[in-house]
Amino acid sequence: MQEILLALFAGVVVGLIFAFLKLPLPAPPVLSGIIGIFGVYLGGVVYQQFIIPLLS
């Protein structure tokens, strides 16, 4: 849980800095960003569950 709160805090700080400097936010559009994050997570799970056992 602490990891999640630290990640949220870091994101808020970065968002505030970018807004203060009037820069575009360093994030993709909402839906495609969420899908991208899910894809990265899913790729990691597939690797751990299927690829590593095949190589062992």
C-alpha atoms as a PDB file:
ATOM      1  CA  MET A   1       0.000   0.000   0.000  1.00  0.00           C
ATOM      2  CA  GLN A   2       2.884   2.349   0.780  1.00  0.00           C
ATOM      3  CA  GLU A   3       4.229   1.803  -2.734  1.00  0.00           C
ATOM      4  CA  ILE A   4       0.896   2.870  -4.231  1.00  0.00           C
ATOM      5  CA  LEU A   5       0.734   6.016  -2.102  1.00  0.00           C
ATOM      6  CA  LEU A   6       4.313   6.968  -3.006  1.00  0.00           C
ATOM      7  CA  ALA A   7       3.550   6.505  -6.707  1.00  0.00           C
ATOM      8  CA  LEU A   8       0.428   8.639  -6.376  1.00  0.00           C
ATOM      9  CA  PHE A   9       2.353  11.340  -4.497  1.00  0.00           C
ATOM     10  CA  ALA A  10       5.117  11.353  -7.136  1.00  0.00           C
ATOM     11  CA  GLY A  11       2.517  11.677  -9.887  1.00  0.00           C
ATOM     12  CA  VAL A  12       0.819  14.588  -8.151  1.00  0.00           C
ATOM     13  CA  VAL A  13       4.144  16.374  -7.665  1.00  0.00           C
ATOM     14  CA  VAL A  14       5.101  15.905 -11.329  1.00  0.00           C
ATOM     15  CA  GLY A  15       1.644  17.086 -12.419  1.00  0.00           C
ATOM     16  CA  LEU A  16       1.948  20.212 -10.258  1.00  0.00           C
ATOM     17  CA  ILE A  17       5.418  21.021 -11.600  1.00  0.00           C
ATOM     18  CA  PHE A  18       4.338  20.612 -15.217  1.00  0.00           C
ATOM     19  CA  ALA A  19       1.201  22.710 -14.634  1.00  0.00           C
ATOM     20  CA  PHE A  20       3.231  25.434 -12.874  1.00  0.00           C
ATOM     21  CA  LEU A  21       5.689  25.557 -15.796  1.00  0.00           C
ATOM     22  CA  LYS A  22       2.743  25.546 -18.242  1.00  0.00           C
ATOM     23  CA  LEU A  23       4.028  22.445 -19.991  1.00  0.00           C
ATOM     24  CA  PRO A  24       1.838  19.701 -21.467  1.00  0.00           C
ATOM     25  CA  LEU A  25       1.382  16.788 -19.080  1.00  0.00           C
ATOM     26  CA  PRO A  26       3.806  13.921 -19.724  1.00  0.00           C
ATOM     27  CA  ALA A  27       1.029  11.370 -20.088  1.00  0.00           C
ATOM     28  CA  PRO A  28      -0.848   9.806 -22.986  1.00  0.00           C
ATOM     29  CA  PRO A  29      -4.580  10.326 -23.425  1.00  0.00           C
ATOM     30  CA  VAL A  30      -6.493   8.672 -20.592  1.00  0.00           C
ATOM     31  CA  LEU A  31      -7.940   5.546 -22.234  1.00  0.00           C
ATOM     32  CA  SER A  32      -4.921   4.671 -24.355  1.00  0.00           C
ATOM     33  CA  GLY A  33      -2.668   5.266 -21.345  1.00  0.00           C
ATOM     34  CA  ILE A  34      -4.674   2.882 -19.182  1.00  0.00           C
ATOM     35  CA  ILE A  35      -4.703   0.256 -21.933  1.00  0.00           C
ATOM     36  CA  GLY A  36      -0.936   0.675 -22.381  1.00  0.00           C
ATOM     37  CA  ILE A  37      -0.279   0.216 -18.675  1.00  0.00           C
ATOM     38  CA  PHE A  38      -2.510  -2.873 -18.641  1.00  0.00           C
ATOM     39  CA  GLY A  39      -0.612  -4.240 -21.656  1.00  0.00           C
ATOM     40  CA  VAL A  40       2.736  -3.824 -19.911  1.00  0.00           C
ATOM     41  CA  TYR A  41       1.382  -5.579 -16.815  1.00  0.00           C
ATOM     42  CA  LEU A  42      -0.168  -8.375 -18.894  1.00  0.00           C
ATOM     43  CA  GLY A  43       3.099  -8.887 -20.779  1.00  0.00           C
ATOM     44  CA  GLY A  44       4.951  -9.298 -17.502  1.00  0.00           C
ATOM     45  CA  VAL A  45       2.416 -11.808 -16.224  1.00  0.00           C
ATOM     46  CA  VAL A  46       2.524 -13.825 -19.455  1.00  0.00           C
ATOM     47  CA  TYR A  47       6.321 -13.889 -19.297  1.00  0.00           C
ATOM     48  CA  GLN A  48       6.356 -15.100 -15.683  1.00  0.00           C
ATOM     49  CA  GLN A  49       3.587 -17.663 -16.127  1.00  0.00           C
ATOM     50  CA  PHE A  50       4.384 -19.105 -19.565  1.00  0.00           C
ATOM     51  CA  ILE A  51       7.832 -18.151 -20.869  1.00  0.00           C
ATOM     52  CA  ILE A  52       9.916 -18.800 -17.738  1.00  0.00           C
ATOM     53  CA  PRO A  53       8.477 -22.343 -17.265  1.00  0.00           C
ATOM     54  CA  LEU A  54       9.255 -23.134 -20.914  1.00  0.00           C
ATOM     55  CA  LEU A  55      12.877 -22.062 -20.483  1.00  0.00           C
ATOM     56  CA  SER A  56      13.374 -24.033 -17.277  1.00  0.00           C
END
